[in-house]
Amino acid sequence: MSWGWRVPFLLSAVLIAVGFFVRLSVSESPAFGRVRESGTEARMPIVDVLRTYPRNVALGVGSRIGIDAAFYVLAVYTLTHVASNLGLPQGLGLVAVSVAALVEIFTIPAFASLSDRVGRRPLLIFGAAFMGLWTFALFGLLNTRAPVLVIVAIVVGLAVGHAAVYGVQGSFYAELFGTRVRYSGASFSYQISGIFGGALAPIVATALYPVGGTALISAYIAALCLLSVVCYALAEETFRKDIDADEEEERRLVAEQGGRA
């Protein structure tokens, strides 16, 4: 108990080595290769993405806030709720999250594959709406204090709602932005939304519980997930996007911005 919890963190150094190897082994996309050959890389990609794609940046940030908040309530706050508020063994919550993670190994790629056939937006909207509504059922099941129902509540929320969004998010964010600023646009949207979504969610949930119990926490998550649904609905469908045509459109936008400057 005094030092054993550090072992998994030390072993994660292996993941750093694996990630570094994978990154060095993966070549740039053909689209970015053409940009590099033409010498038109963005000199200040963050500035360029905010200038040429302000709407997509706003939709990217807004769409993930609810999803991220719901995930951290499901995967982090519930561990505290189960042990501190319900008096159940802390290991029960950890088992539930672990089972959910194992199931998501299969459901995340399944939803990702499905999005290549039916589109990104339908699954993103479904996942965000599901997570917003499931939060109410989640706490209802947790509050029964029945171990099986506790596990079901967390597994369903993560393996269905979260997986439906997480399996599609990578493609969705990449397709929102042109080749010159794709990495910066996707990363900026993803990380900024994390500050207002997941980073604050467990803190806010902890503060809301003494005030209005789990009903208020559920309402908070539902409101943020509604924001995600609206942003996904306003975003363009991208799963049939032609990257070559996208490059031409981006060059036009850059030319227009240069002319205005």
C-alpha atoms as a PDB file:
ATOM      1  CA  MET A   1       0.000   0.000   0.000  1.00  0.00           C
ATOM      2  CA  SER A   2       2.902   2.373   0.641  1.00  0.00           C
ATOM      3  CA  TRP A   3       4.763   1.901  -2.644  1.00  0.00           C
ATOM      4  CA  GLY A   4       3.006  -0.700  -4.788  1.00  0.00           C
ATOM      5  CA  TRP A   5       0.703   1.838  -6.460  1.00  0.00           C
ATOM      6  CA  ARG A   6       3.780   3.432  -8.043  1.00  0.00           C
ATOM      7  CA  VAL A   7       4.671   0.276  -9.981  1.00  0.00           C
ATOM      8  CA  PRO A   8       2.106   0.720 -12.796  1.00  0.00           C
ATOM      9  CA  PHE A   9       3.232   4.317 -13.259  1.00  0.00           C
ATOM     10  CA  LEU A  10       6.856   3.219 -13.581  1.00  0.00           C
ATOM     11  CA  LEU A  11       5.907   0.466 -16.013  1.00  0.00           C
ATOM     12  CA  SER A  12       4.157   3.053 -18.190  1.00  0.00           C
ATOM     13  CA  ALA A  13       7.653   4.068 -19.321  1.00  0.00           C
ATOM     14  CA  VAL A  14       7.333   1.077 -21.653  1.00  0.00           C
ATOM     15  CA  LEU A  15       4.365   2.791 -23.305  1.00  0.00           C
ATOM     16  CA  ILE A  16       6.496   5.866 -23.939  1.00  0.00           C
ATOM     17  CA  ALA A  17       9.042   3.721 -25.755  1.00  0.00           C
ATOM     18  CA  VAL A  18       6.311   1.995 -27.786  1.00  0.00           C
ATOM     19  CA  GLY A  19       4.687   5.326 -28.675  1.00  0.00           C
ATOM     20  CA  PHE A  20       8.027   6.782 -29.715  1.00  0.00           C
ATOM     21  CA  PHE A  21       8.740   3.755 -31.915  1.00  0.00           C
ATOM     22  CA  VAL A  22       5.298   3.929 -33.546  1.00  0.00           C
ATOM     23  CA  ARG A  23       5.628   7.658 -34.223  1.00  0.00           C
ATOM     24  CA  LEU A  24       9.024   7.218 -35.886  1.00  0.00           C
ATOM     25  CA  SER A  25       7.710   4.305 -37.944  1.00  0.00           C
ATOM     26  CA  VAL A  26       4.668   6.109 -39.352  1.00  0.00           C
ATOM     27  CA  SER A  27       5.272   8.302 -42.387  1.00  0.00           C
ATOM     28  CA  GLU A  28       3.411  11.537 -43.041  1.00  0.00           C
ATOM     29  CA  SER A  29       0.183  11.347 -45.029  1.00  0.00           C
ATOM     30  CA  PRO A  30       0.405  11.772 -48.825  1.00  0.00           C
ATOM     31  CA  ALA A  31      -1.655  14.963 -48.479  1.00  0.00           C
ATOM     32  CA  PHE A  32       0.829  16.546 -46.091  1.00  0.00           C
ATOM     33  CA  GLY A  33       3.694  15.264 -48.252  1.00  0.00           C
ATOM     34  CA  ARG A  34       2.311  17.273 -51.157  1.00  0.00           C
ATOM     35  CA  VAL A  35       2.030  20.367 -48.947  1.00  0.00           C
ATOM     36  CA  ARG A  36       5.636  19.943 -47.813  1.00  0.00           C
ATOM     37  CA  GLU A  37       6.856  19.491 -51.396  1.00  0.00           C
ATOM     38  CA  SER A  38       5.061  22.662 -52.452  1.00  0.00           C
ATOM     39  CA  GLY A  39       6.640  24.610 -49.579  1.00  0.00           C
ATOM     40  CA  THR A  40       3.288  25.889 -48.320  1.00  0.00           C
ATOM     41  CA  GLU A  41       3.413  24.614 -44.733  1.00  0.00           C
ATOM     42  CA  ALA A  42       1.797  26.903 -42.189  1.00  0.00           C
ATOM     43  CA  ARG A  43       4.426  29.101 -40.539  1.00  0.00           C
ATOM     44  CA  MET A  44       2.200  29.784 -37.516  1.00  0.00           C
ATOM     45  CA  PRO A  45      -0.317  26.912 -37.558  1.00  0.00           C
ATOM     46  CA  ILE A  46      -2.260  27.952 -34.436  1.00  0.00           C
ATOM     47  CA  VAL A  47      -2.736  31.470 -35.785  1.00  0.00           C
ATOM     48  CA  ASP A  48      -3.643  30.127 -39.219  1.00  0.00           C
ATOM     49  CA  VAL A  49      -6.193  27.624 -37.939  1.00  0.00           C
ATOM     50  CA  LEU A  50      -7.931  30.251 -35.794  1.00  0.00           C
ATOM     51  CA  ARG A  51      -7.973  32.625 -38.746  1.00  0.00           C
ATOM     52  CA  THR A  52      -9.091  30.227 -41.491  1.00  0.00           C
ATOM     53  CA  TYR A  53     -11.264  27.769 -39.533  1.00  0.00           C
ATOM     54  CA  PRO A  54     -12.772  29.725 -36.598  1.00  0.00           C
ATOM     55  CA  ARG A  55     -16.176  28.027 -36.908  1.00  0.00           C
ATOM     56  CA  ASN A  56     -14.698  24.523 -36.963  1.00  0.00           C
ATOM     57  CA  VAL A  57     -12.466  25.309 -33.996  1.00  0.00           C
ATOM     58  CA  ALA A  58     -15.489  26.510 -32.013  1.00  0.00           C
ATOM     59  CA  LEU A  59     -17.507  23.423 -32.964  1.00  0.00           C
ATOM     60  CA  GLY A  60     -14.559  21.149 -32.178  1.00  0.00           C
ATOM     61  CA  VAL A  61     -14.102  22.644 -28.717  1.00  0.00           C
ATOM     62  CA  GLY A  62     -17.815  22.780 -27.898  1.00  0.00           C
ATOM     63  CA  SER A  63     -18.545  19.276 -29.137  1.00  0.00           C
ATOM     64  CA  ARG A  64     -16.057  17.565 -26.847  1.00  0.00           C
ATOM     65  CA  ILE A  65     -16.782  19.435 -23.593  1.00  0.00           C
ATOM     66  CA  GLY A  66     -19.841  17.340 -22.743  1.00  0.00           C
ATOM     67  CA  ILE A  67     -18.278  14.066 -23.844  1.00  0.00           C
ATOM     68  CA  ASP A  68     -15.159  14.653 -21.803  1.00  0.00           C
ATOM     69  CA  ALA A  69     -17.120  15.705 -18.716  1.00  0.00           C
ATOM     70  CA  ALA A  70     -19.366  12.640 -18.954  1.00  0.00           C
ATOM     71  CA  PHE A  71     -16.366  10.343 -19.337  1.00  0.00           C
ATOM     72  CA  TYR A  72     -14.621  11.679 -16.235  1.00  0.00           C
ATOM     73  CA  VAL A  73     -17.782  11.435 -14.177  1.00  0.00           C
ATOM     74  CA  LEU A  74     -18.238   7.835 -15.318  1.00  0.00           C
ATOM     75  CA  ALA A  75     -14.613   6.747 -14.989  1.00  0.00           C
ATOM     76  CA  VAL A  76     -13.331   8.914 -12.126  1.00  0.00           C
ATOM     77  CA  TYR A  77     -16.051  10.490  -9.991  1.00  0.00           C
ATOM     78  CA  THR A  78     -18.047   7.264  -9.714  1.00  0.00           C
ATOM     79  CA  LEU A  79     -15.075   5.647  -7.924  1.00  0.00           C
ATOM     80  CA  THR A  80     -15.359   8.238  -5.172  1.00  0.00           C
ATOM     81  CA  HIS A  81     -19.149   8.094  -5.137  1.00  0.00           C
ATOM     82  CA  VAL A  82     -19.242   4.303  -4.809  1.00  0.00           C
ATOM     83  CA  ALA A  83     -16.748   4.234  -1.946  1.00  0.00           C
ATOM     84  CA  SER A  84     -17.383   7.485  -0.047  1.00  0.00           C
ATOM     85  CA  ASN A  85     -21.079   8.214  -0.610  1.00  0.00           C
ATOM     86  CA  LEU A  86     -22.461   4.688  -0.923  1.00  0.00           C
ATOM     87  CA  GLY A  87     -20.080   2.904   1.441  1.00  0.00           C
ATOM     88  CA  LEU A  88     -19.285   0.147  -1.045  1.00  0.00           C
ATOM     89  CA  PRO A  89     -15.818  -1.399  -1.494  1.00  0.00           C
ATOM     90  CA  GLN A  90     -13.577   0.837  -3.553  1.00  0.00           C
ATOM     91  CA  GLY A  91     -12.497  -2.182  -5.554  1.00  0.00           C
ATOM     92  CA  LEU A  92     -16.025  -2.531  -6.964  1.00  0.00           C
ATOM     93  CA  GLY A  93     -15.749   0.703  -8.900  1.00  0.00           C
ATOM     94  CA  LEU A  94     -12.286  -0.213 -10.136  1.00  0.00           C
ATOM     95  CA  VAL A  95     -13.561  -3.578 -11.364  1.00  0.00           C
ATOM     96  CA  ALA A  96     -16.433  -1.883 -13.187  1.00  0.00           C
ATOM     97  CA  VAL A  97     -14.140   0.587 -14.964  1.00  0.00           C
ATOM     98  CA  SER A  98     -11.693  -2.192 -15.851  1.00  0.00           C
ATOM     99  CA  VAL A  99     -14.449  -4.347 -17.350  1.00  0.00           C
ATOM    100  CA  ALA A 100     -15.702  -1.333 -19.309  1.00  0.00           C
ATOM    101  CA  ALA A 101     -12.204  -0.705 -20.667  1.00  0.00           C
ATOM    102  CA  LEU A 102     -11.932  -4.335 -21.787  1.00  0.00           C
ATOM    103  CA  VAL A 103     -15.285  -4.161 -23.568  1.00  0.00           C
ATOM    104  CA  GLU A 104     -14.306  -0.885 -25.240  1.00  0.00           C
ATOM    105  CA  ILE A 105     -11.372  -2.662 -26.875  1.00  0.00           C
ATOM    106  CA  PHE A 106     -14.047  -4.126 -29.149  1.00  0.00           C
ATOM    107  CA  THR A 107     -16.760  -1.454 -29.215  1.00  0.00           C
ATOM    108  CA  ILE A 108     -14.507   1.507 -30.064  1.00  0.00           C
ATOM    109  CA  PRO A 109     -13.185   0.017 -33.342  1.00  0.00           C
ATOM    110  CA  ALA A 110     -16.679  -1.305 -34.108  1.00  0.00           C
ATOM    111  CA  PHE A 111     -18.169   2.203 -33.921  1.00  0.00           C
ATOM    112  CA  ALA A 112     -15.193   3.602 -35.858  1.00  0.00           C
ATOM    113  CA  SER A 113     -15.793   1.119 -38.666  1.00  0.00           C
ATOM    114  CA  LEU A 114     -19.525   1.827 -38.648  1.00  0.00           C
ATOM    115  CA  SER A 115     -18.872   5.557 -39.048  1.00  0.00           C
ATOM    116  CA  ASP A 116     -17.122   4.858 -42.363  1.00  0.00           C
ATOM    117  CA  ARG A 117     -20.428   3.491 -43.643  1.00  0.00           C
ATOM    118  CA  VAL A 118     -23.133   5.637 -42.041  1.00  0.00           C
ATOM    119  CA  GLY A 119     -21.204   8.854 -41.356  1.00  0.00           C
ATOM    120  CA  ARG A 120     -19.587  10.566 -38.392  1.00  0.00           C
ATOM    121  CA  ARG A 121     -22.403  12.819 -37.197  1.00  0.00           C
ATOM    122  CA  PRO A 122     -25.097  10.159 -36.587  1.00  0.00           C
ATOM    123  CA  LEU A 123     -22.835   8.215 -34.231  1.00  0.00           C
ATOM    124  CA  LEU A 124     -21.434  11.318 -32.544  1.00  0.00           C
ATOM    125  CA  ILE A 125     -24.920  12.696 -31.904  1.00  0.00           C
ATOM    126  CA  PHE A 126     -26.125   9.299 -30.691  1.00  0.00           C
ATOM    127  CA  GLY A 127     -23.161   8.888 -28.338  1.00  0.00           C
ATOM    128  CA  ALA A 128     -23.458  12.394 -26.873  1.00  0.00           C
ATOM    129  CA  ALA A 129     -27.231  12.085 -26.388  1.00  0.00           C
ATOM    130  CA  PHE A 130     -26.858   8.616 -24.898  1.00  0.00           C
ATOM    131  CA  MET A 131     -24.258   9.752 -22.370  1.00  0.00           C
ATOM    132  CA  GLY A 132     -26.334  12.776 -21.376  1.00  0.00           C
ATOM    133  CA  LEU A 133     -29.393  10.620 -20.719  1.00  0.00           C
ATOM    134  CA  TRP A 134     -27.524   7.623 -19.297  1.00  0.00           C
ATOM    135  CA  THR A 135     -26.096   9.740 -16.481  1.00  0.00           C
ATOM    136  CA  PHE A 136     -29.525   9.736 -14.828  1.00  0.00           C
ATOM    137  CA  ALA A 137     -29.791   5.944 -15.136  1.00  0.00           C
ATOM    138  CA  LEU A 138     -26.168   5.598 -14.032  1.00  0.00           C
ATOM    139  CA  PHE A 139     -26.685   7.112 -10.611  1.00  0.00           C
ATOM    140  CA  GLY A 140     -30.023   5.368 -10.223  1.00  0.00           C
ATOM    141  CA  LEU A 141     -28.291   2.021 -10.690  1.00  0.00           C
ATOM    142  CA  LEU A 142     -25.322   2.976  -8.518  1.00  0.00           C
ATOM    143  CA  ASN A 143     -27.588   4.058  -5.689  1.00  0.00           C
ATOM    144  CA  THR A 144     -29.155   0.575  -5.522  1.00  0.00           C
ATOM    145  CA  ARG A 145     -25.811  -0.542  -4.021  1.00  0.00           C
ATOM    146  CA  ALA A 146     -26.199  -3.843  -5.892  1.00  0.00           C
ATOM    147  CA  PRO A 147     -22.714  -4.838  -7.141  1.00  0.00           C
ATOM    148  CA  VAL A 148     -23.971  -6.281 -10.438  1.00  0.00           C
ATOM    149  CA  LEU A 149     -25.987  -3.158 -11.225  1.00  0.00           C
ATOM    150  CA  VAL A 150     -23.060  -0.916 -10.307  1.00  0.00           C
ATOM    151  CA  ILE A 151     -20.883  -2.743 -12.831  1.00  0.00           C
ATOM    152  CA  VAL A 152     -23.614  -2.685 -15.495  1.00  0.00           C
ATOM    153  CA  ALA A 153     -24.170   1.054 -15.002  1.00  0.00           C
ATOM    154  CA  ILE A 154     -20.535   1.965 -15.620  1.00  0.00           C
ATOM    155  CA  VAL A 155     -19.877  -0.605 -18.357  1.00  0.00           C
ATOM    156  CA  VAL A 156     -22.895   0.404 -20.457  1.00  0.00           C
ATOM    157  CA  GLY A 157     -22.116   4.105 -20.153  1.00  0.00           C
ATOM    158  CA  LEU A 158     -18.511   3.700 -21.265  1.00  0.00           C
ATOM    159  CA  ALA A 159     -18.749   0.784 -23.681  1.00  0.00           C
ATOM    160  CA  VAL A 160     -21.751   2.214 -25.554  1.00  0.00           C
ATOM    161  CA  GLY A 161     -22.011   5.994 -25.157  1.00  0.00           C
ATOM    162  CA  HIS A 162     -18.342   6.835 -24.760  1.00  0.00           C
ATOM    163  CA  ALA A 163     -17.199   4.275 -27.345  1.00  0.00           C
ATOM    164  CA  ALA A 164     -19.673   5.603 -29.931  1.00  0.00           C
ATOM    165  CA  VAL A 165     -18.036   9.027 -29.698  1.00  0.00           C
ATOM    166  CA  TYR A 166     -14.442   8.039 -28.995  1.00  0.00           C
ATOM    167  CA  GLY A 167     -14.267   5.656 -31.936  1.00  0.00           C
ATOM    168  CA  VAL A 168     -15.264   8.442 -34.317  1.00  0.00           C
ATOM    169  CA  GLN A 169     -13.607  11.495 -32.745  1.00  0.00           C
ATOM    170  CA  GLY A 170     -10.175  10.981 -34.292  1.00  0.00           C
ATOM    171  CA  SER A 171     -11.467  11.019 -37.850  1.00  0.00           C
ATOM    172  CA  PHE A 172     -13.991  13.756 -37.126  1.00  0.00           C
ATOM    173  CA  TYR A 173     -11.416  16.219 -35.783  1.00  0.00           C
ATOM    174  CA  ALA A 174      -8.894  15.444 -38.520  1.00  0.00           C
ATOM    175  CA  GLU A 175     -11.520  15.988 -41.205  1.00  0.00           C
ATOM    176  CA  LEU A 176     -12.626  19.342 -39.781  1.00  0.00           C
ATOM    177  CA  PHE A 177      -9.390  21.040 -40.834  1.00  0.00           C
ATOM    178  CA  GLY A 178      -7.253  21.423 -43.938  1.00  0.00           C
ATOM    179  CA  THR A 179      -3.952  19.662 -44.439  1.00  0.00           C
ATOM    180  CA  ARG A 180      -1.745  22.655 -43.561  1.00  0.00           C
ATOM    181  CA  VAL A 181      -3.259  23.063 -40.096  1.00  0.00           C
ATOM    182  CA  ARG A 182      -4.886  19.680 -39.465  1.00  0.00           C
ATOM    183  CA  TYR A 183      -2.654  18.602 -36.588  1.00  0.00           C
ATOM    184  CA  SER A 184      -2.840  21.974 -34.844  1.00  0.00           C
ATOM    185  CA  GLY A 185      -6.594  22.339 -35.361  1.00  0.00           C
ATOM    186  CA  ALA A 186      -7.410  18.870 -34.054  1.00  0.00           C
ATOM    187  CA  SER A 187      -5.003  19.130 -31.119  1.00  0.00           C
ATOM    188  CA  PHE A 188      -6.091  22.637 -30.129  1.00  0.00           C
ATOM    189  CA  SER A 189      -9.793  21.711 -30.169  1.00  0.00           C
ATOM    190  CA  TYR A 190      -9.198  18.475 -28.273  1.00  0.00           C
ATOM    191  CA  GLN A 191      -6.992  19.933 -25.536  1.00  0.00           C
ATOM    192  CA  ILE A 192      -8.887  23.181 -24.916  1.00  0.00           C
ATOM    193  CA  SER A 193     -12.166  21.314 -24.551  1.00  0.00           C
ATOM    194  CA  GLY A 194     -10.475  19.015 -22.044  1.00  0.00           C
ATOM    195  CA  ILE A 195      -9.834  21.978 -19.757  1.00  0.00           C
ATOM    196  CA  PHE A 196     -13.486  22.970 -19.583  1.00  0.00           C
ATOM    197  CA  GLY A 197     -14.867  19.437 -19.784  1.00  0.00           C
ATOM    198  CA  GLY A 198     -12.977  16.597 -18.161  1.00  0.00           C
ATOM    199  CA  ALA A 199     -10.628  18.641 -15.988  1.00  0.00           C
ATOM    200  CA  LEU A 200     -13.472  20.359 -14.166  1.00  0.00           C
ATOM    201  CA  ALA A 201     -16.101  17.605 -14.155  1.00  0.00           C
ATOM    202  CA  PRO A 202     -15.000  15.618 -11.048  1.00  0.00           C
ATOM    203  CA  ILE A 203     -14.463  18.869  -9.118  1.00  0.00           C
ATOM    204  CA  VAL A 204     -17.862  20.235 -10.111  1.00  0.00           C
ATOM    205  CA  ALA A 205     -19.574  16.905  -9.384  1.00  0.00           C
ATOM    206  CA  THR A 206     -18.022  16.810  -5.915  1.00  0.00           C
ATOM    207  CA  ALA A 207     -19.249  20.349  -5.247  1.00  0.00           C
ATOM    208  CA  LEU A 208     -22.763  19.668  -6.573  1.00  0.00           C
ATOM    209  CA  TYR A 209     -23.406  16.479  -4.602  1.00  0.00           C
ATOM    210  CA  PRO A 210     -23.912  18.164  -1.174  1.00  0.00           C
ATOM    211  CA  VAL A 211     -26.175  20.744  -2.829  1.00  0.00           C
ATOM    212  CA  GLY A 212     -28.483  18.646  -4.996  1.00  0.00           C
ATOM    213  CA  GLY A 213     -27.280  15.070  -4.879  1.00  0.00           C
ATOM    214  CA  THR A 214     -26.807  12.931  -7.963  1.00  0.00           C
ATOM    215  CA  ALA A 215     -29.804  14.517  -9.736  1.00  0.00           C
ATOM    216  CA  LEU A 216     -27.959  17.826  -9.954  1.00  0.00           C
ATOM    217  CA  ILE A 217     -24.801  16.108 -11.201  1.00  0.00           C
ATOM    218  CA  SER A 218     -26.835  14.335 -13.882  1.00  0.00           C
ATOM    219  CA  ALA A 219     -28.440  17.612 -14.948  1.00  0.00           C
ATOM    220  CA  TYR A 220     -24.995  19.225 -15.208  1.00  0.00           C
ATOM    221  CA  ILE A 221     -23.668  16.441 -17.444  1.00  0.00           C
ATOM    222  CA  ALA A 222     -26.861  16.374 -19.526  1.00  0.00           C
ATOM    223  CA  ALA A 223     -26.567  20.124 -20.187  1.00  0.00           C
ATOM    224  CA  LEU A 224     -22.961  19.761 -21.359  1.00  0.00           C
ATOM    225  CA  CYS A 225     -23.841  16.763 -23.525  1.00  0.00           C
ATOM    226  CA  LEU A 226     -26.622  18.831 -25.082  1.00  0.00           C
ATOM    227  CA  LEU A 227     -23.945  21.351 -26.069  1.00  0.00           C
ATOM    228  CA  SER A 228     -22.039  18.499 -27.720  1.00  0.00           C
ATOM    229  CA  VAL A 229     -25.136  17.356 -29.599  1.00  0.00           C
ATOM    230  CA  VAL A 230     -25.767  20.880 -30.901  1.00  0.00           C
ATOM    231  CA  CYS A 231     -22.151  21.275 -32.048  1.00  0.00           C
ATOM    232  CA  TYR A 232     -22.173  17.908 -33.810  1.00  0.00           C
ATOM    233  CA  ALA A 233     -25.460  18.789 -35.500  1.00  0.00           C
ATOM    234  CA  LEU A 234     -24.026  22.091 -36.762  1.00  0.00           C
ATOM    235  CA  ALA A 235     -20.797  20.522 -38.031  1.00  0.00           C
ATOM    236  CA  GLU A 236     -20.556  19.293 -41.598  1.00  0.00           C
ATOM    237  CA  GLU A 237     -20.580  15.585 -42.378  1.00  0.00           C
ATOM    238  CA  THR A 238     -17.006  14.655 -43.233  1.00  0.00           C
ATOM    239  CA  PHE A 239     -16.804  10.906 -43.800  1.00  0.00           C
ATOM    240  CA  ARG A 240     -16.933  11.274 -47.605  1.00  0.00           C
ATOM    241  CA  LYS A 241     -14.618  14.263 -47.654  1.00  0.00           C
ATOM    242  CA  ASP A 242     -12.192  14.431 -50.599  1.00  0.00           C
ATOM    243  CA  ILE A 243      -8.790  15.446 -49.219  1.00  0.00           C
ATOM    244  CA  ASP A 244      -7.571  16.629 -52.634  1.00  0.00           C
ATOM    245  CA  ALA A 245     -10.577  18.919 -52.958  1.00  0.00           C
ATOM    246  CA  ASP A 246      -9.979  19.961 -49.366  1.00  0.00           C
ATOM    247  CA  GLU A 247      -6.447  21.062 -50.273  1.00  0.00           C
ATOM    248  CA  GLU A 248      -7.777  23.221 -53.104  1.00  0.00           C
ATOM    249  CA  GLU A 249     -10.332  24.828 -50.793  1.00  0.00           C
ATOM    250  CA  GLU A 250      -7.661  25.485 -48.202  1.00  0.00           C
ATOM    251  CA  ARG A 251      -5.404  27.172 -50.727  1.00  0.00           C
ATOM    252  CA  ARG A 252      -8.337  29.404 -51.659  1.00  0.00           C
ATOM    253  CA  LEU A 253      -8.932  30.328 -48.009  1.00  0.00           C
ATOM    254  CA  VAL A 254      -5.257  31.055 -47.452  1.00  0.00           C
ATOM    255  CA  ALA A 255      -5.152  33.214 -50.585  1.00  0.00           C
ATOM    256  CA  GLU A 256      -8.215  35.160 -49.399  1.00  0.00           C
ATOM    257  CA  GLN A 257      -6.702  35.700 -45.961  1.00  0.00           C
ATOM    258  CA  GLY A 258      -3.452  36.833 -47.553  1.00  0.00           C
ATOM    259  CA  GLY A 259      -5.308  39.289 -49.734  1.00  0.00           C
ATOM    260  CA  ARG A 260      -7.117  40.757 -46.731  1.00  0.00           C
ATOM    261  CA  ALA A 261      -3.850  41.050 -44.830  1.00  0.00           C
END
